[in-house]
């Protein structure tokens, strides 16, 4: 965290310097008041005769010092906020960059809700601590040290009284802080849980409504909310005891100062009424500084938890790292699997893909068919290195994918997923997401291929129609077609459709693939599907079962020679003509 503060060291330095000016102003006030009372009102040094000029002149000086202190305080606050805001901006930006570069397994390990909490609430806690440290800490320490020094200058007996009171206040403060610290860890964990539920329920609103589960989700959220509130209330209740106890000690100390001061005045040993009033003010200042220090330590305790959580993100190195190869090859669009096996990181040793060998030639259209859980999506995750295979090699254009720079590798591959992720912007910007320099004519061309042109141009704002969050304003088929148009526009060597046409009717799907084959005949195309109608016109069809490639061939070859393919065919097409 220090490196982020170093960037704005000048703000971090100016803030406490100006704060010292405000503290000096505060410490001088009791001295001025003492002079006004003793010399201006009581006339102790003038035979008991007051002096109005002293009252006026000292009062004017007092106002000037207060004004100067106010200016210093404002400037201190401005510089502290500048430092805090810029620090938080840089830290939040770096955290987000790190999150964007994390591998999928690492993102899932943190959970979406936790990452949201870390990049928002946790960084805000650290920012608050920084602002308090460079401003509040200096003020508190300066008031404490300066107040003690001024008390001792007034009379040593006042210092003794203060010395007796301070240990009690310090003991109580540290007791409450020790009790509160572990609760802050629980607080952030329960906030993670609350954010996760919120994120799930907002994104899954249609499913919740379709199954009439609103009440159940409200109860689930309410339970998480109560768990969060329970911890918050415990901490608040804990610190609610601290202020009354500290105020009790403060009042006893003030009474003791007045009592001892009164005795000293009676004994005529150099204590004045103004000195007692000044001592009372300094006592309040010193003990008030301790309470503010307690609040500072409270913020410190909570921010410590946040610092740890943010550092977990910043120090989490991606498990998928760049190679050195820039992707410049003479072969375009070739994929080769050599003895590839794969197990997900959370289930080591449990292979979902087993000893796969396959060559996909440039410009070839390959269908990958298999039942749910056969390993189809797991396989295509290895091509752009969303995951790395645990055994064997995946080659793209003759080079191992692990040797590629990630940007170079992923620029060769465009993927349309079954779940269409759209963004809250225009249809045009959604389609040009992977190719921002694309023209409107190019967008119209790919929209026509994706069978999206008609419904887009039927909208009032056509391609510049705004899409609601997660594409809520569009049907499933419309979202998939926009997603497919975006994939095609990327103009990559390899296009992968991972069940990306599941929401399309067979006629629309057929028109899409015919148009794609006509316009992108030289592009390698991989179509992953569960229905034969989606892949039967492919050059070759790869049949997968339980993580293995069991058959490879054209539709006619497989219908005569593959038992699994025949079973799928009979269940989908021959039996009543349904592909579902």
Protein backbone atom coordinates (compact mmCIF):
# COMPACT_ATOMS: atom_id res chain seq x y z
CA UNK A 1 0.00 0.00 0.00
CA UNK A 2 2.93 2.35 0.65
CA UNK A 3 3.72 2.67 -3.06
CA UNK A 4 0.27 4.15 -3.68
CA UNK A 5 0.83 6.79 -0.99
CA UNK A 6 4.30 7.66 -2.33
CA UNK A 7 2.75 8.85 -5.57
CA UNK A 8 1.01 11.64 -3.67
CA UNK A 9 3.57 12.28 -0.94
CA UNK A 10 3.21 16.05 -1.30
CA UNK A 11 -0.49 15.90 -0.35
CA UNK A 12 0.34 13.48 2.46
CA UNK A 13 2.93 15.98 3.75
CA UNK A 14 0.96 19.20 3.34
CA UNK A 15 -2.15 17.88 5.11
CA UNK A 16 -0.47 17.24 8.50
CA UNK A 17 1.61 20.42 8.25
CA UNK A 18 -1.50 22.57 7.93
CA UNK A 19 -3.16 20.49 10.62
CA UNK A 20 -0.38 21.52 13.02
CA UNK A 21 -1.39 25.12 12.37
CA UNK A 22 -4.95 24.31 13.40
CA UNK A 23 -3.73 22.48 16.53
CA UNK A 24 -1.53 25.42 17.58
CA UNK A 25 -4.61 27.66 17.23
CA UNK A 26 -6.62 25.33 19.48
CA UNK A 27 -3.88 25.12 22.11
CA UNK A 28 -3.51 28.90 22.28
CA UNK A 29 -7.20 29.53 23.00
CA UNK A 30 -7.11 28.55 26.71
CA UNK A 31 -4.03 30.79 27.18
CA UNK A 32 -5.86 33.75 25.68
CA UNK A 33 -8.95 33.01 27.77
CA UNK A 34 -6.83 32.79 30.91
CA UNK A 35 -5.30 36.21 30.17
CA UNK A 36 -8.72 37.76 29.50
CA UNK A 37 -10.09 36.44 32.82
CA UNK A 38 -7.05 37.09 35.02
CA UNK A 39 -5.85 40.43 33.61
CA UNK A 40 -8.80 41.81 31.67
CA UNK A 41 -11.66 40.90 34.02
CA UNK A 42 -10.21 40.22 37.49
CA UNK A 43 -7.17 42.49 37.13
CA UNK A 44 -4.98 40.20 39.21
CA UNK A 45 -1.81 42.02 38.16
CA UNK A 46 -3.46 45.46 38.40
CA UNK A 47 -4.68 45.62 41.97
CA UNK A 48 -7.98 43.93 41.24
CA UNK A 49 -8.96 46.46 38.56
CA UNK A 50 -10.07 45.03 35.23
CA UNK A 51 -8.75 46.36 31.91
CA UNK A 52 -11.15 46.51 28.97
CA UNK A 53 -8.31 47.12 26.48
CA UNK A 54 -6.78 43.77 27.40
CA UNK A 55 -10.14 42.09 26.86
CA UNK A 56 -10.60 43.75 23.44
CA UNK A 57 -7.02 43.34 22.18
CA UNK A 58 -6.71 39.76 23.38
CA UNK A 59 -10.16 38.99 21.96
CA UNK A 60 -9.17 40.38 18.55
CA UNK A 61 -5.94 38.38 18.64
CA UNK A 62 -7.96 35.33 19.65
CA UNK A 63 -10.31 35.77 16.65
CA UNK A 64 -7.36 36.19 14.28
CA UNK A 65 -5.71 33.03 15.57
CA UNK A 66 -9.00 31.13 15.28
CA UNK A 67 -9.43 32.37 11.70
CA UNK A 68 -5.87 31.30 10.85
CA UNK A 69 -6.50 27.90 12.42
CA UNK A 70 -9.71 27.53 10.41
CA UNK A 71 -7.86 28.27 7.15
CA UNK A 72 -5.19 25.72 8.08
CA UNK A 73 -7.89 23.18 8.94
CA UNK A 74 -9.65 23.67 5.60
CA UNK A 75 -6.42 23.32 3.64
CA UNK A 76 -5.49 20.25 5.66
CA UNK A 77 -8.84 18.68 4.87
CA UNK A 78 -8.53 19.47 1.17
CA UNK A 79 -5.04 17.95 0.88
CA UNK A 80 -6.05 14.90 2.95
CA UNK A 81 -9.05 14.26 0.70
CA UNK A 82 -6.98 14.73 -2.45
CA UNK A 83 -4.47 12.18 -1.20
CA UNK A 84 -7.19 9.75 -0.07
CA UNK A 85 -9.24 9.99 -3.27
CA UNK A 86 -6.27 9.63 -5.61
CA UNK A 87 -4.87 6.77 -3.50
CA UNK A 88 -8.23 4.95 -3.62
CA UNK A 89 -8.56 5.57 -7.37
CA UNK A 90 -5.18 4.01 -8.12
CA UNK A 91 -5.71 1.11 -5.72
CA UNK A 92 -9.18 0.38 -7.09
CA UNK A 93 -7.89 0.55 -10.68
CA UNK A 94 -5.03 -1.87 -9.95
CA UNK A 95 -7.39 -4.24 -8.14
CA UNK A 96 -9.77 -4.25 -11.08
CA UNK A 97 -6.90 -4.85 -13.52
CA UNK A 98 -5.77 -7.77 -11.38
CA UNK A 99 -9.30 -9.19 -11.27
CA UNK A 100 -9.57 -8.90 -15.05
CA UNK A 101 -6.31 -10.83 -15.42
CA UNK A 102 -7.18 -13.58 -12.95
CA UNK A 103 -7.81 -17.01 -14.35
CA UNK A 104 -11.37 -18.31 -14.26
CA UNK A 105 -10.62 -20.72 -11.43
CA UNK A 106 -9.24 -17.87 -9.30
CA UNK A 107 -12.27 -15.68 -9.97
CA UNK A 108 -14.61 -18.49 -8.93
CA UNK A 109 -12.51 -19.14 -5.83
CA UNK A 110 -12.94 -15.57 -4.59
CA UNK A 111 -16.63 -15.40 -5.68
CA UNK A 112 -18.21 -12.44 -7.43
CA UNK A 113 -19.77 -11.04 -4.25
CA UNK A 114 -16.45 -11.08 -2.41
CA UNK A 115 -14.61 -9.35 -5.27
CA UNK A 116 -17.28 -6.63 -5.38
CA UNK A 117 -16.93 -6.07 -1.63
CA UNK A 118 -13.14 -5.93 -1.81
CA UNK A 119 -13.03 -3.42 -4.65
CA UNK A 120 -15.69 -1.18 -3.09
CA UNK A 121 -16.22 -1.43 0.67
CA UNK A 122 -12.72 -2.67 1.59
CA UNK A 123 -10.92 0.00 -0.43
CA UNK A 124 -13.23 2.65 1.05
CA UNK A 125 -12.23 1.47 4.54
CA UNK A 126 -8.54 1.80 3.64
CA UNK A 127 -9.16 5.23 2.11
CA UNK A 128 -10.90 6.40 5.29
CA UNK A 129 -7.96 5.17 7.36
CA UNK A 130 -5.47 7.02 5.18
CA UNK A 131 -7.42 10.27 5.40
CA UNK A 132 -7.67 9.91 9.17
CA UNK A 133 -4.00 9.01 9.57
CA UNK A 134 -2.55 11.95 7.65
CA UNK A 135 -4.96 14.39 9.29
CA UNK A 136 -6.65 12.96 12.37
CA UNK A 137 -3.61 11.17 13.77
CA UNK A 138 -1.46 14.31 13.63
CA UNK A 139 -4.21 16.40 15.19
CA UNK A 140 -4.87 13.89 17.94
CA UNK A 141 -1.23 13.37 18.88
CA UNK A 142 -0.42 17.08 18.70
CA UNK A 143 -3.41 17.98 20.89
CA UNK A 144 -2.50 15.26 23.36
CA UNK A 145 1.20 16.12 23.65
CA UNK A 146 0.62 19.86 23.46
CA UNK A 147 -2.23 19.70 25.98
CA UNK A 148 -0.13 17.74 28.49
CA UNK A 149 2.75 20.22 28.08
CA UNK A 150 0.43 23.19 28.62
CA UNK A 151 -1.13 21.54 31.69
CA UNK A 152 2.29 21.03 33.25
CA UNK A 153 3.21 24.64 32.49
CA UNK A 154 0.12 25.81 34.35
CA UNK A 155 0.83 23.73 37.49
CA UNK A 156 2.48 20.40 38.25
CA UNK A 157 -0.49 19.32 40.40
CA UNK A 158 -2.74 19.43 37.31
CA UNK A 159 -0.30 17.13 35.53
CA UNK A 160 -0.40 14.67 38.46
CA UNK A 161 -4.22 14.56 38.33
CA UNK A 162 -4.11 13.96 34.59
CA UNK A 163 -1.46 11.26 35.03
CA UNK A 164 -3.75 9.39 37.41
CA UNK A 165 -6.70 9.51 34.99
CA UNK A 166 -4.94 8.59 31.74
CA UNK A 167 -4.16 4.91 32.51
CA UNK A 168 -7.84 4.16 33.15
CA UNK A 169 -8.89 5.70 29.83
CA UNK A 170 -6.13 3.87 27.92
CA UNK A 171 -7.00 0.50 29.52
CA UNK A 172 -10.67 0.85 28.61
CA UNK A 173 -9.85 1.88 25.03
CA UNK A 174 -7.55 -1.07 24.37
CA UNK A 175 -10.03 -3.46 25.99
CA UNK A 176 -12.80 -2.41 23.59
CA UNK A 177 -10.51 -2.43 20.56
CA UNK A 178 -9.30 -5.95 21.33
CA UNK A 179 -12.90 -7.16 21.56
CA UNK A 180 -13.90 -5.45 18.31
CA UNK A 181 -11.08 -6.53 15.97
CA UNK A 182 -12.21 -10.15 15.31
CA UNK A 183 -15.74 -8.91 14.71
CA UNK A 184 -14.55 -6.82 11.75
CA UNK A 185 -13.40 -9.98 9.97
CA UNK A 186 -16.87 -11.47 10.45
CA UNK A 187 -18.40 -8.21 9.27
CA UNK A 188 -16.60 -8.27 5.90
CA UNK A 189 -17.31 -11.99 5.38
CA UNK A 190 -21.01 -11.47 5.98
CA UNK A 191 -20.98 -8.46 3.68
CA UNK A 192 -19.44 -10.74 1.01
CA UNK A 193 -22.30 -13.17 1.50
CA UNK A 194 -24.90 -10.42 1.25
CA UNK A 195 -23.39 -9.10 -1.97
CA UNK A 196 -23.26 -12.60 -3.45
CA UNK A 197 -26.95 -13.16 -2.77
CA UNK A 198 -27.79 -9.74 -4.21
CA UNK A 199 -25.75 -10.41 -7.35
CA UNK A 200 -27.29 -13.87 -7.85
CA UNK A 201 -30.86 -12.69 -7.34
CA UNK A 202 -30.60 -9.66 -9.61
CA UNK A 203 -28.98 -11.64 -12.44
CA UNK A 204 -31.40 -14.55 -11.93
CA UNK A 205 -34.55 -12.43 -11.59
CA UNK A 206 -36.34 -14.18 -14.46
CA UNK A 207 -35.78 -17.65 -12.98
CA UNK A 208 -36.89 -16.48 -9.54
CA UNK A 209 -40.12 -15.05 -10.95
CA UNK A 210 -40.73 -18.05 -13.21
CA UNK A 211 -40.56 -20.42 -10.21
CA UNK A 212 -42.40 -17.99 -7.90
CA UNK A 213 -39.47 -18.01 -5.47
CA UNK A 214 -39.53 -14.31 -4.57
CA UNK A 215 -40.55 -14.98 -0.96
CA UNK A 216 -37.85 -17.62 -0.51
CA UNK A 217 -35.15 -15.30 -1.86
CA UNK A 218 -36.43 -12.45 0.32
CA UNK A 219 -36.10 -14.76 3.31
CA UNK A 220 -32.59 -15.82 2.24
CA UNK A 221 -31.53 -12.20 1.84
CA UNK A 222 -33.18 -11.27 5.14
CA UNK A 223 -31.26 -14.02 6.93
CA UNK A 224 -27.94 -12.80 5.50
CA UNK A 225 -28.91 -9.20 6.29
CA UNK A 226 -29.74 -10.10 9.89
CA UNK A 227 -26.40 -11.90 10.27
CA UNK A 228 -24.63 -8.78 9.02
CA UNK A 229 -26.68 -6.48 11.26
CA UNK A 230 -26.02 -8.73 14.26
CA UNK A 231 -22.27 -8.23 13.96
CA UNK A 232 -22.64 -4.51 13.27
CA UNK A 233 -24.87 -4.06 16.32
CA UNK A 234 -22.43 -5.98 18.50
CA UNK A 235 -19.59 -3.63 17.50
CA UNK A 236 -21.75 -0.53 17.92
CA UNK A 237 -23.00 -1.71 21.29
CA UNK A 238 -19.44 -2.44 22.37
CA UNK A 239 -18.25 1.05 21.54
CA UNK A 240 -21.40 2.61 22.99
CA UNK A 241 -20.04 1.61 26.42
CA UNK A 242 -16.71 3.29 25.80
CA UNK A 243 -17.88 6.90 25.50
CA UNK A 244 -19.93 7.00 28.75
CA UNK A 245 -17.07 5.41 30.71
CA UNK A 246 -14.56 7.85 29.22
CA UNK A 247 -16.88 10.80 29.92
CA UNK A 248 -17.25 9.63 33.51
CA UNK A 249 -13.47 9.61 33.91
CA UNK A 250 -13.29 13.02 32.19
CA UNK A 251 -15.83 14.57 34.56
CA UNK A 252 -14.09 13.13 37.63
CA UNK A 253 -10.81 14.55 36.34
CA UNK A 254 -12.33 18.00 35.77
CA UNK A 255 -13.85 17.97 39.26
CA UNK A 256 -10.43 17.03 40.67
CA UNK A 257 -8.75 19.87 38.76
CA UNK A 258 -11.28 22.40 40.02
CA UNK A 259 -11.03 21.04 43.57
CA UNK A 260 -7.21 21.09 43.67
CA UNK A 261 -7.16 24.47 41.93
CA UNK A 262 -9.62 25.86 44.48
CA UNK A 263 -7.43 24.63 47.37
CA UNK A 264 -4.36 26.20 45.79
CA UNK A 265 -6.17 29.52 45.32
CA UNK A 266 -7.25 29.40 48.98
CA UNK A 267 -3.66 28.74 50.01
CA UNK A 268 -2.46 31.50 47.67
CA UNK A 269 0.24 29.44 46.00
CA UNK A 270 0.13 30.99 42.54
CA UNK A 271 -2.92 29.41 40.93
CA UNK A 272 -5.43 31.81 39.34
CA UNK A 273 -9.03 31.42 38.25
CA UNK A 274 -7.96 31.75 34.62
CA UNK A 275 -5.41 28.96 35.11
CA UNK A 276 -8.10 26.64 36.46
CA UNK A 277 -10.38 27.38 33.52
CA UNK A 278 -7.47 26.80 31.14
CA UNK A 279 -6.64 23.54 32.93
CA UNK A 280 -10.25 22.37 32.60
CA UNK A 281 -10.15 23.15 28.87
CA UNK A 282 -6.84 21.33 28.43
CA UNK A 283 -8.18 18.33 30.35
CA UNK A 284 -11.16 18.11 28.00
CA UNK A 285 -8.82 18.51 25.02
CA UNK A 286 -6.45 15.76 26.18
CA UNK A 287 -9.10 13.21 27.07
CA UNK A 288 -11.06 14.13 23.93
CA UNK A 289 -7.89 13.47 21.93
CA UNK A 290 -7.67 10.03 23.51
CA UNK A 291 -11.24 9.26 22.49
CA UNK A 292 -10.50 10.37 18.96
CA UNK A 293 -7.42 8.18 19.06
CA UNK A 294 -9.71 5.29 20.05
CA UNK A 295 -11.88 5.99 17.01
CA UNK A 296 -8.73 6.11 14.91
CA UNK A 297 -7.64 2.72 16.23
CA UNK A 298 -11.15 1.43 15.60
CA UNK A 299 -10.83 2.48 11.97
CA UNK A 300 -7.32 1.00 11.92
CA UNK A 301 -8.60 -2.37 13.20
CA UNK A 302 -11.30 -2.51 10.55
CA UNK A 303 -8.96 -1.29 7.81
CA UNK A 304 -6.39 -3.96 8.74
CA UNK A 305 -8.90 -6.61 7.73
CA UNK A 306 -9.59 -4.71 4.50
CA UNK A 307 -5.88 -4.31 3.73
CA UNK A 308 -5.42 -8.06 4.09
CA UNK A 309 -8.38 -8.78 1.81
CA UNK A 310 -7.29 -6.29 -0.86
CA UNK A 311 -3.71 -7.61 -0.74
CA UNK A 312 -5.09 -11.10 -1.33
CA UNK A 313 -6.36 -9.82 -4.68
CA UNK A 314 -3.28 -7.77 -5.56
CA UNK A 315 -0.89 -10.59 -4.64
CA UNK A 316 -2.88 -13.27 -6.44
CA UNK A 317 -0.79 -14.02 -9.50
CA UNK A 318 -2.71 -15.44 -12.47
CA UNK A 319 -2.14 -19.15 -12.97
CA UNK A 320 -2.49 -18.65 -16.73
CA UNK A 321 0.50 -16.57 -17.83
CA UNK A 322 1.80 -15.14 -21.09
CA UNK A 323 4.23 -17.05 -23.24
CA UNK A 324 6.66 -15.29 -25.57
CA UNK A 325 5.28 -16.27 -28.98
CA UNK A 326 3.53 -13.41 -30.80
CA UNK A 327 1.34 -15.71 -32.88
CA UNK A 328 2.84 -14.89 -36.28
CA UNK A 329 2.43 -18.18 -38.21
CA UNK A 330 2.13 -19.23 -41.83
CA UNK A 331 -0.62 -21.74 -40.92
CA UNK A 332 -3.98 -20.12 -40.16
CA UNK A 333 -6.73 -21.89 -38.24
CA UNK A 334 -5.25 -25.32 -37.49
CA UNK A 335 -5.92 -27.02 -34.14
CA UNK A 336 -4.25 -30.17 -32.89
CA UNK A 337 -4.78 -32.15 -29.70
CA UNK A 338 -2.02 -34.51 -28.60
CA UNK A 339 -2.86 -36.90 -25.74
CA UNK A 340 -4.85 -34.18 -23.97
CA UNK A 341 -6.30 -34.85 -20.52
CA UNK A 342 -7.86 -32.29 -18.23
CA UNK A 343 -9.13 -32.08 -14.65
CA UNK A 344 -10.58 -28.96 -13.04
CA UNK A 345 -8.36 -27.42 -10.33
CA UNK A 346 -10.96 -27.98 -7.61
CA UNK A 347 -11.11 -31.70 -8.50
CA UNK A 348 -7.51 -32.75 -9.16
CA UNK A 349 -7.12 -36.27 -10.46
CA UNK A 350 -10.73 -36.46 -11.68
CA UNK A 351 -10.32 -36.10 -15.43
CA UNK A 352 -13.21 -34.63 -17.40
CA UNK A 353 -11.20 -35.12 -20.61
CA UNK A 354 -9.14 -38.25 -21.18
CA UNK A 355 -6.33 -38.74 -23.73
CA UNK A 356 -7.82 -36.78 -26.62
CA UNK A 357 -6.15 -36.79 -30.03
CA UNK A 358 -7.57 -34.76 -32.89
CA UNK A 359 -6.46 -32.60 -35.84
CA UNK A 360 -8.73 -29.82 -37.14
CA UNK A 361 -7.50 -28.46 -40.47
CA UNK A 362 -7.64 -24.80 -41.57
CA UNK A 363 -11.03 -23.84 -43.02
CA UNK A 364 -12.67 -27.03 -41.82
CA UNK A 365 -16.11 -27.01 -40.19
CA UNK A 366 -16.14 -29.38 -37.23
CA UNK A 367 -19.17 -30.40 -35.20
CA UNK A 368 -18.69 -31.63 -31.65
CA UNK A 369 -21.62 -33.66 -30.42
CA UNK A 370 -22.30 -35.30 -27.10
CA UNK A 371 -24.66 -35.49 -24.19
CA UNK A 372 -24.55 -33.08 -21.27
CA UNK A 373 -21.37 -33.63 -19.26
CA UNK A 374 -19.49 -35.31 -22.08
CA UNK A 375 -16.72 -32.67 -21.95
CA UNK A 376 -17.56 -30.53 -25.01
CA UNK A 377 -17.33 -27.12 -23.31
CA UNK A 378 -14.37 -28.22 -21.20
CA UNK A 379 -12.54 -29.04 -24.42
CA UNK A 380 -13.02 -25.65 -26.08
CA UNK A 381 -11.98 -23.91 -22.85
CA UNK A 382 -8.49 -25.24 -23.52
CA UNK A 383 -8.13 -23.54 -26.93
CA UNK A 384 -8.02 -19.90 -25.69
CA UNK A 385 -6.38 -21.04 -22.41
CA UNK A 386 -9.27 -20.31 -20.09
CA UNK A 387 -7.77 -23.42 -18.49
CA UNK A 388 -4.58 -25.39 -19.22
CA UNK A 389 -4.68 -29.09 -19.94
CA UNK A 390 -3.21 -31.22 -17.16
CA UNK A 391 -1.57 -33.64 -19.62
CA UNK A 392 -0.65 -33.49 -23.30
CA UNK A 393 -0.54 -30.52 -25.67
CA UNK A 394 -2.99 -28.20 -27.41
CA UNK A 395 -1.51 -26.72 -30.60
CA UNK A 396 -2.89 -23.74 -32.52
CA UNK A 397 -1.31 -23.16 -35.93
CA UNK A 398 1.48 -25.56 -35.01
CA UNK A 399 2.47 -23.86 -31.73
CA UNK A 400 1.65 -24.92 -28.17
CA UNK A 401 -0.98 -22.59 -26.72
CA UNK A 402 1.18 -22.22 -23.59
CA UNK A 403 3.89 -20.58 -25.70
CA UNK A 404 1.59 -17.84 -27.01
CA UNK A 405 1.14 -14.39 -25.61
CA UNK A 406 -2.44 -14.50 -24.34
CA UNK A 407 -3.58 -11.53 -26.45
CA UNK A 408 -2.07 -13.09 -29.58
CA UNK A 409 -3.66 -16.47 -28.90
CA UNK A 410 -7.10 -15.10 -28.10
CA UNK A 411 -7.07 -12.78 -31.11
CA UNK A 412 -6.98 -15.94 -33.25
CA UNK A 413 -10.14 -17.32 -31.65
CA UNK A 414 -13.69 -15.95 -31.43
CA UNK A 415 -16.19 -17.71 -29.18
CA UNK A 416 -19.98 -17.43 -29.00
CA UNK A 417 -21.23 -18.96 -25.76
CA UNK A 418 -24.66 -20.37 -25.01
CA UNK A 419 -25.16 -17.70 -22.36
CA UNK A 420 -25.05 -14.42 -24.24
CA UNK A 421 -23.30 -11.74 -22.18
CA UNK A 422 -24.50 -8.33 -23.39
CA UNK A 423 -23.59 -4.95 -21.94
CA UNK A 424 -25.64 -1.90 -21.03
CA UNK A 425 -24.91 0.04 -24.18
CA UNK A 426 -26.18 0.17 -27.77
CA UNK A 427 -26.63 -2.86 -30.03
CA UNK A 428 -23.94 -1.38 -32.28
CA UNK A 429 -21.41 -1.17 -29.46
CA UNK A 430 -22.29 -4.68 -28.28
CA UNK A 431 -21.60 -6.09 -31.74
CA UNK A 432 -18.35 -4.10 -32.13
CA UNK A 433 -17.12 -5.13 -28.66
CA UNK A 434 -14.26 -7.16 -30.10
CA UNK A 435 -13.55 -4.83 -32.99
CA UNK A 436 -14.15 -1.21 -32.07
CA UNK A 437 -12.95 0.19 -35.43
CA UNK A 438 -15.73 -1.60 -37.33
CA UNK A 439 -18.01 0.50 -39.53
CA UNK A 440 -21.80 0.44 -39.58
CA UNK A 441 -21.74 -1.37 -42.94
CA UNK A 442 -19.56 -4.12 -41.47
CA UNK A 443 -21.93 -4.42 -38.51
CA UNK A 444 -24.91 -4.69 -40.86
CA UNK A 445 -23.11 -7.42 -42.82
CA UNK A 446 -22.47 -9.64 -39.79
CA UNK A 447 -25.95 -8.91 -38.42
CA UNK A 448 -27.37 -10.23 -41.71
CA UNK A 449 -25.24 -13.39 -41.48
CA UNK A 450 -26.34 -13.87 -37.85
CA UNK A 451 -30.01 -13.46 -38.91
CA UNK A 452 -30.25 -10.43 -36.61
CA UNK A 453 -30.58 -7.66 -39.22
CA UNK A 454 -34.37 -7.71 -39.51
CA UNK A 455 -35.24 -7.48 -35.82
CA UNK A 456 -32.53 -4.88 -35.16
CA UNK A 457 -33.62 -2.58 -38.00
CA UNK A 458 -37.26 -2.95 -36.94
CA UNK A 459 -36.44 -1.12 -33.70
CA UNK A 460 -36.96 2.63 -33.56
CA UNK A 461 -33.26 3.41 -33.04
CA UNK A 462 -32.10 0.45 -35.10
CA UNK A 463 -28.43 -0.39 -34.33
CA UNK A 464 -28.25 2.41 -31.77
CA UNK A 465 -30.99 0.99 -29.57
CA UNK A 466 -29.89 0.80 -25.95
CA UNK A 467 -29.68 -2.67 -24.42
CA UNK A 468 -30.80 -3.00 -20.82
CA UNK A 469 -28.54 -4.63 -18.23
CA UNK A 470 -27.61 -8.20 -19.26
CA UNK A 471 -29.83 -7.82 -22.35
CA UNK A 472 -33.08 -7.89 -20.36
CA UNK A 473 -34.82 -5.94 -23.16
CA UNK A 474 -34.17 -8.72 -25.68
CA UNK A 475 -35.40 -12.28 -26.10
CA UNK A 476 -33.05 -15.25 -25.72
CA UNK A 477 -32.85 -15.77 -29.47
CA UNK A 478 -32.20 -12.07 -30.13
CA UNK A 479 -29.40 -12.02 -27.58
CA UNK A 480 -27.81 -15.10 -29.11
CA UNK A 481 -27.91 -13.59 -32.60
CA UNK A 482 -26.28 -10.35 -31.40
CA UNK A 483 -23.70 -12.48 -29.62
CA UNK A 484 -23.06 -14.46 -32.82
CA UNK A 485 -22.76 -11.24 -34.86
CA UNK A 486 -20.17 -9.96 -32.38
CA UNK A 487 -18.23 -13.22 -32.67
CA UNK A 488 -18.22 -13.16 -36.46
CA UNK A 489 -17.20 -9.49 -36.61
CA UNK A 490 -14.04 -10.23 -34.64
CA UNK A 491 -12.79 -11.80 -37.88
CA UNK A 492 -10.65 -14.45 -36.20
CA UNK A 493 -9.02 -17.49 -37.77
CA UNK A 494 -11.11 -19.81 -35.63
CA UNK A 495 -14.79 -19.37 -34.74
CA UNK A 496 -16.33 -21.48 -31.98
CA UNK A 497 -20.05 -21.79 -31.33
CA UNK A 498 -20.49 -23.35 -27.90
CA UNK A 499 -24.17 -24.30 -28.11
CA UNK A 500 -24.64 -20.68 -29.20
CA UNK A 501 -27.73 -21.41 -31.30
CA UNK A 502 -29.72 -23.30 -28.67
CA UNK A 503 -32.37 -20.55 -28.52
CA UNK A 504 -32.80 -20.42 -32.32
CA UNK A 505 -35.32 -22.38 -34.33
CA UNK A 506 -33.95 -24.85 -36.87
CA UNK A 507 -34.78 -22.69 -39.88
CA UNK A 508 -32.97 -19.63 -38.48
CA UNK A 509 -30.04 -21.79 -37.42
CA UNK A 510 -29.80 -23.35 -40.89
CA UNK A 511 -29.85 -19.93 -42.58
CA UNK A 512 -27.13 -18.74 -40.20
CA UNK A 513 -24.75 -21.61 -40.95
CA UNK A 514 -25.35 -21.38 -44.71
CA UNK A 515 -24.58 -17.65 -44.71
CA UNK A 516 -21.54 -18.21 -42.50
CA UNK A 517 -20.18 -20.93 -44.77
CA UNK A 518 -20.67 -18.74 -47.82
CA UNK A 519 -18.95 -15.64 -46.40
CA UNK A 520 -16.32 -17.32 -44.20
CA UNK A 521 -15.44 -20.44 -46.15
CA UNK A 522 -11.72 -20.21 -45.24
CA UNK A 523 -12.33 -19.77 -41.52
CA UNK A 524 -12.08 -22.77 -39.20
CA UNK A 525 -15.47 -23.27 -37.54
CA UNK A 526 -16.23 -25.43 -34.52
CA UNK A 527 -19.89 -26.04 -33.69
CA UNK A 528 -20.61 -27.56 -30.29
CA UNK A 529 -24.15 -28.85 -29.93
CA UNK A 530 -26.40 -31.44 -28.37
CA UNK A 531 -28.71 -31.76 -31.37
CA UNK A 532 -27.69 -33.44 -34.61
CA UNK A 533 -29.52 -30.88 -36.75
CA UNK A 534 -26.94 -28.28 -35.69
CA UNK A 535 -23.90 -30.27 -36.84
CA UNK A 536 -25.02 -32.73 -39.53
CA UNK A 537 -23.73 -30.53 -42.38
CA UNK A 538 -20.25 -30.14 -40.85
CA UNK A 539 -17.24 -31.55 -42.72
CA UNK A 540 -16.60 -33.86 -39.79
CA UNK A 541 -18.42 -34.55 -36.55
CA UNK A 542 -16.60 -35.45 -33.34
CA UNK A 543 -18.69 -37.60 -31.02
CA UNK A 544 -17.77 -37.32 -27.34
CA UNK A 545 -18.83 -39.48 -24.44
CA UNK A 546 -17.62 -39.32 -20.81
CA UNK A 547 -14.67 -37.09 -21.69
CA UNK A 548 -13.42 -39.19 -24.59
CA UNK A 549 -13.59 -38.92 -28.36
CA UNK A 550 -15.41 -42.08 -29.37
CA UNK A 551 -16.03 -41.45 -33.09
CA UNK A 552 -15.07 -38.98 -35.83
CA UNK A 553 -16.58 -38.73 -39.31
CA UNK A 554 -19.18 -37.14 -41.56
CA UNK A 555 -22.89 -37.47 -40.87
CA UNK A 556 -23.26 -40.28 -43.41
CA UNK A 557 -20.25 -42.14 -42.03
CA UNK A 558 -21.38 -41.88 -38.44
CA UNK A 559 -25.00 -42.80 -39.11
CA UNK A 560 -23.72 -46.09 -40.45
CA UNK A 561 -20.77 -46.74 -38.19
CA UNK A 562 -21.23 -45.06 -34.79
CA UNK A 563 -23.51 -46.67 -32.22
CA UNK A 564 -23.66 -43.56 -29.99
CA UNK A 565 -24.36 -41.30 -32.98
CA UNK A 566 -27.11 -43.65 -34.14
CA UNK A 567 -28.71 -43.55 -30.66
CA UNK A 568 -28.64 -39.75 -30.62
CA UNK A 569 -30.02 -39.65 -34.17
CA UNK A 570 -32.85 -42.03 -33.39
CA UNK A 571 -33.83 -40.15 -30.24
CA UNK A 572 -33.78 -36.72 -31.93
CA UNK A 573 -34.72 -37.07 -35.60
CA UNK A 574 -36.02 -40.47 -36.57
CA UNK A 575 -38.40 -40.74 -33.67
CA UNK A 576 -41.05 -38.21 -34.64
CA UNK A 577 -38.75 -35.67 -36.25
CA UNK A 578 -37.92 -33.77 -33.09
CA UNK A 579 -34.42 -32.63 -32.36
CA UNK A 580 -35.09 -31.80 -28.79
